[in-house]
Amino acid sequence: MRRTSIVLLIMIMAVAFSMSMVSTTLAKYVDKSSGYDVARVATFDIKINGESDISSIKVDDLFANAYKEIQVGGMTYYAVRSSDDSKVVAPGTSGSMAVNVSGHSEVMLDIVFELTIEYSGSWAIVEDGVKTEYFPVVFLLNGKVVSGGGFADGSLEALEYMVDNAGKRLDPNAVIANELGEMKLGWIWAMNGTDEVGEGIVANTLTGQTDERDTKLGNMFLENEPGWVSLSMKVTITQVT
């Protein structure tokens, strides 16, 4: 009987010890933490004149090699047409181009415009034995002859100044097209000096245009010294950090 009691006591102690081990394992503290984050690249989708490739601005339709198409008897004629496919300017011709910056950006932007107009070759005529520069082409911004800003009406410096100061700093998610609007550059060489080139502005008041002067300038081609005019436009769009 005593032996049985001893064996029973040992078994009870073994079970108690096992329960203690299990109880210790189940009672330990457990704490966990985890984290996760993800991001995408911010949008920088800029278009110029609707084109996503903004490596160059389309300005090649500002000047042309032919103007004022005329249809007669099924035949096509032009009031002015180059003989060698060079683009030309002449009395009674004009042209224009638009620059529209649009798109969507999630970063702050600086948008800067740079306009350069250059005359080369000969734009000089001889009057009373004196060689005088003569520039009959008038440039316009948004359909108006540029004035103000301390510059003379219609001067290239005035136009370049106005365009160069048309840029803006835009906040993220700004509606770019609305903020900047359309910039339209144009030019005109009036047929007659008394023709208007802007709102109430007559050509000869800006350029001193006369038929005689126009003729002398056109004759420079016969002397292999034609005048050339070029326009370049640069738009720089930079993220502001």
Protein backbone atom coordinates (compact mmCIF):
# COMPACT_ATOMS: atom_id res chain seq x y z
CA MET A 1 0.00 0.00 0.00
CA ARG A 2 2.78 2.36 0.90
CA ARG A 3 4.62 1.50 -2.29
CA THR A 4 1.55 2.24 -4.30
CA SER A 5 1.19 5.59 -2.59
CA ILE A 6 4.78 6.50 -3.37
CA VAL A 7 4.37 5.64 -7.06
CA LEU A 8 1.14 7.65 -7.21
CA LEU A 9 2.83 10.62 -5.54
CA ILE A 10 5.70 10.49 -8.05
CA MET A 11 3.22 10.41 -10.95
CA ILE A 12 1.32 13.38 -9.56
CA MET A 13 4.56 15.36 -9.18
CA ALA A 14 5.59 14.50 -12.76
CA VAL A 15 2.27 15.67 -14.10
CA ALA A 16 2.48 18.83 -12.04
CA PHE A 17 5.98 19.51 -13.38
CA SER A 18 4.82 18.97 -16.97
CA MET A 19 1.88 21.32 -16.46
CA SER A 20 4.24 23.90 -15.08
CA MET A 21 6.41 23.70 -18.21
CA VAL A 22 3.40 23.99 -20.50
CA SER A 23 2.00 26.82 -18.46
CA THR A 24 5.29 28.73 -18.69
CA THR A 25 5.43 28.32 -22.47
CA LEU A 26 1.89 29.53 -23.06
CA ALA A 27 2.18 32.51 -20.73
CA LYS A 28 5.16 34.34 -22.40
CA TYR A 29 4.61 37.90 -23.75
CA VAL A 30 4.38 38.32 -27.55
CA ASP A 31 4.43 41.70 -29.33
CA LYS A 32 4.85 42.39 -33.05
CA SER A 33 5.03 45.43 -35.29
CA SER A 34 5.31 45.85 -39.03
CA GLY A 35 5.21 48.71 -41.58
CA TYR A 36 4.87 49.24 -45.33
CA ASP A 37 4.91 52.20 -47.68
CA VAL A 38 4.89 52.64 -51.44
CA ALA A 39 5.20 55.58 -53.83
CA ARG A 40 5.07 56.29 -57.55
CA VAL A 41 7.03 58.74 -59.66
CA ALA A 42 5.51 62.24 -59.70
CA THR A 43 3.87 63.22 -62.99
CA PHE A 44 5.81 65.50 -65.32
CA ASP A 45 3.79 65.48 -68.52
CA ILE A 46 4.46 68.67 -70.46
CA LYS A 47 3.30 69.37 -73.98
CA ILE A 48 4.12 72.20 -76.36
CA ASN A 49 1.56 72.80 -79.08
CA GLY A 50 0.03 69.45 -78.12
CA GLU A 51 3.26 67.51 -78.68
CA SER A 52 4.83 65.43 -75.91
CA ASP A 53 8.21 65.57 -77.63
CA ILE A 54 9.29 69.04 -76.59
CA SER A 55 12.86 68.77 -77.82
CA SER A 56 12.00 71.35 -80.49
CA ILE A 57 9.24 73.86 -81.10
CA LYS A 58 7.55 73.89 -84.47
CA VAL A 59 8.23 77.35 -85.87
CA ASP A 60 8.85 76.37 -89.47
CA ASP A 61 5.46 77.64 -90.57
CA LEU A 62 6.15 81.22 -89.50
CA PHE A 63 7.66 82.05 -92.87
CA ALA A 64 6.83 80.43 -96.21
CA ASN A 65 8.15 80.05 -99.73
CA ALA A 66 4.75 81.00 -101.20
CA TYR A 67 1.89 83.25 -100.13
CA LYS A 68 -1.72 83.92 -101.11
CA GLU A 69 -2.78 80.95 -103.16
CA ILE A 70 -5.02 81.83 -106.09
CA GLN A 71 -7.14 79.31 -108.02
CA VAL A 72 -7.86 80.23 -111.66
CA GLY A 73 -9.35 77.78 -114.14
CA GLY A 74 -8.24 74.78 -112.14
CA MET A 75 -4.70 76.11 -111.90
CA THR A 76 -2.97 77.22 -108.72
CA TYR A 77 -1.05 80.48 -108.63
CA TYR A 78 0.55 82.47 -105.84
CA ALA A 79 0.86 86.18 -105.30
CA VAL A 80 4.40 85.61 -103.99
CA ARG A 81 6.53 82.53 -104.62
CA SER A 82 10.22 81.79 -104.15
CA SER A 83 12.21 80.65 -107.17
CA ASP A 84 14.52 78.37 -105.17
CA ASP A 85 12.25 77.14 -102.32
CA SER A 86 13.86 79.55 -99.87
CA LYS A 87 11.35 81.09 -97.51
CA VAL A 88 10.79 84.74 -98.32
CA VAL A 89 9.17 87.91 -97.03
CA ALA A 90 7.80 90.61 -99.32
CA PRO A 91 5.37 93.52 -99.35
CA GLY A 92 1.85 92.22 -98.77
CA THR A 93 2.89 89.07 -96.87
CA SER A 94 2.45 88.02 -93.28
CA GLY A 95 2.70 84.99 -91.02
CA SER A 96 2.13 83.80 -87.49
CA MET A 97 2.76 80.94 -85.10
CA ALA A 98 1.32 79.94 -81.73
CA VAL A 99 3.09 78.57 -78.67
CA ASN A 100 0.92 76.68 -76.19
CA VAL A 101 2.37 75.02 -73.10
CA SER A 102 0.02 72.51 -71.48
CA GLY A 103 0.00 69.26 -69.54
CA HIS A 104 0.14 68.22 -65.91
CA SER A 105 2.92 68.36 -63.36
CA GLU A 106 2.95 67.27 -59.73
CA VAL A 107 6.10 69.30 -59.08
CA MET A 108 6.58 73.05 -58.94
CA LEU A 109 7.80 74.45 -62.24
CA ASP A 110 9.66 77.44 -63.60
CA ILE A 111 8.68 78.10 -67.23
CA VAL A 112 10.95 80.49 -69.11
CA PHE A 113 10.58 81.76 -72.68
CA GLU A 114 13.44 83.13 -74.77
CA LEU A 115 12.88 84.80 -78.13
CA THR A 116 15.59 85.88 -80.52
CA ILE A 117 15.03 87.68 -83.82
CA GLU A 118 18.02 88.33 -86.01
CA TYR A 119 18.57 90.20 -89.25
CA SER A 120 21.46 89.21 -91.47
CA GLY A 121 22.63 89.99 -94.98
CA SER A 122 21.85 93.44 -96.31
CA TRP A 123 18.89 95.43 -95.06
CA ALA A 124 20.40 98.71 -96.19
CA ILE A 125 19.27 100.92 -99.04
CA VAL A 126 20.94 103.96 -100.57
CA GLU A 127 19.07 107.25 -100.38
CA ASP A 128 20.67 110.45 -101.64
CA GLY A 129 24.02 108.71 -101.69
CA VAL A 130 23.71 107.59 -98.06
CA LYS A 131 23.36 103.95 -97.02
CA THR A 132 20.46 103.59 -94.58
CA GLU A 133 19.16 100.50 -92.82
CA TYR A 134 15.54 99.78 -93.61
CA PHE A 135 13.41 97.19 -91.77
CA PRO A 136 9.86 97.10 -93.12
CA VAL A 137 8.78 93.92 -91.29
CA VAL A 138 6.68 94.60 -88.20
CA PHE A 139 6.43 91.93 -85.50
CA LEU A 140 3.32 91.37 -83.42
CA LEU A 141 2.55 89.66 -80.13
CA ASN A 142 -0.97 88.26 -79.77
CA GLY A 143 -2.10 90.34 -82.72
CA LYS A 144 -0.82 93.64 -81.37
CA VAL A 145 2.22 95.74 -82.09
CA VAL A 146 4.27 95.61 -78.92
CA SER A 147 4.63 98.91 -77.11
CA GLY A 148 5.54 100.17 -73.66
CA GLY A 149 8.20 98.89 -71.31
CA GLY A 150 10.43 101.79 -72.22
CA PHE A 151 10.80 100.58 -75.80
CA ALA A 152 9.68 102.11 -79.05
CA ASP A 153 6.56 100.69 -80.69
CA GLY A 154 7.25 97.66 -82.82
CA SER A 155 10.92 97.36 -81.87
CA LEU A 156 12.49 93.92 -81.67
CA GLU A 157 13.77 94.71 -78.19
CA ALA A 158 10.22 95.34 -77.03
CA LEU A 159 8.95 92.07 -78.47
CA GLU A 160 11.83 90.04 -77.05
CA TYR A 161 11.35 91.71 -73.65
CA MET A 162 7.63 90.92 -73.55
CA VAL A 163 8.13 87.28 -74.54
CA ASP A 164 11.05 86.75 -72.19
CA ASN A 165 8.89 88.04 -69.31
CA ALA A 166 5.87 85.89 -70.14
CA GLY A 167 7.13 82.94 -68.12
CA LYS A 168 5.82 81.96 -64.70
CA ARG A 169 6.46 79.82 -61.64
CA LEU A 170 3.62 77.34 -61.28
CA ASP A 171 2.54 75.32 -58.26
CA PRO A 172 2.10 71.54 -58.47
CA ASN A 173 -1.12 70.49 -60.22
CA ALA A 174 -1.67 73.94 -61.71
CA VAL A 175 -3.66 74.02 -64.95
CA ILE A 176 -0.69 75.03 -67.08
CA ALA A 177 -2.62 76.03 -70.20
CA ASN A 178 -4.88 78.35 -68.20
CA GLU A 179 -2.00 79.92 -66.29
CA LEU A 180 0.07 80.73 -69.37
CA GLY A 181 -2.52 81.12 -72.10
CA GLU A 182 -1.61 81.11 -75.78
CA MET A 183 1.32 83.10 -77.06
CA LYS A 184 0.92 84.09 -80.70
CA LEU A 185 3.82 85.60 -82.59
CA GLY A 186 3.22 87.23 -85.92
CA TRP A 187 4.78 89.48 -88.52
CA ILE A 188 3.58 91.62 -91.39
CA TRP A 189 5.18 93.49 -94.24
CA ALA A 190 2.41 95.81 -95.38
CA MET A 191 1.64 96.15 -99.05
CA ASN A 192 1.54 99.91 -98.70
CA GLY A 193 3.06 102.19 -96.12
CA THR A 194 -0.41 103.56 -95.36
CA ASP A 195 -1.81 100.14 -94.43
CA GLU A 196 -2.57 99.37 -90.80
CA VAL A 197 -0.38 96.75 -89.13
CA GLY A 198 -2.06 96.92 -85.76
CA GLU A 199 -4.97 98.61 -84.02
CA GLY A 200 -4.88 102.02 -85.68
CA ILE A 201 -1.12 101.79 -86.29
CA VAL A 202 0.00 102.58 -89.82
CA ALA A 203 3.08 100.84 -91.21
CA ASN A 204 5.05 103.87 -92.30
CA THR A 205 4.80 105.44 -88.85
CA LEU A 206 6.81 102.49 -87.53
CA THR A 207 9.10 101.66 -90.41
CA GLY A 208 9.05 104.61 -92.80
CA GLN A 209 7.75 102.25 -95.48
CA THR A 210 7.38 103.56 -99.03
CA ASP A 211 7.12 101.82 -102.39
CA GLU A 212 10.48 103.25 -103.39
CA ARG A 213 12.19 101.86 -100.30
CA ASP A 214 10.57 98.44 -100.74
CA THR A 215 11.77 98.34 -104.34
CA LYS A 216 15.34 99.21 -103.40
CA LEU A 217 15.40 96.50 -100.75
CA GLY A 218 14.09 93.92 -103.23
CA ASN A 219 16.80 94.93 -105.71
CA MET A 220 19.46 93.83 -103.22
CA PHE A 221 18.81 90.25 -104.37
CA LEU A 222 20.08 91.24 -107.81
CA GLU A 223 23.31 92.30 -106.17
CA ASN A 224 23.60 88.95 -104.36
CA GLU A 225 23.07 90.68 -101.03
CA PRO A 226 19.56 89.74 -99.97
CA GLY A 227 18.47 90.38 -96.43
CA TRP A 228 17.55 87.48 -94.17
CA VAL A 229 15.44 87.46 -91.02
CA SER A 230 15.28 84.57 -88.55
CA LEU A 231 13.30 83.86 -85.39
CA SER A 232 14.13 81.33 -82.72
CA MET A 233 12.05 80.44 -79.68
CA LYS A 234 13.27 78.53 -76.63
CA VAL A 235 11.12 77.26 -73.77
CA THR A 236 12.85 75.95 -70.64
CA ILE A 237 10.75 74.05 -68.09
CA THR A 238 12.55 73.31 -64.83
CA GLN A 239 11.47 71.67 -61.61
CA VAL A 240 11.84 73.97 -58.62
CA THR A 241 13.42 72.25 -55.66
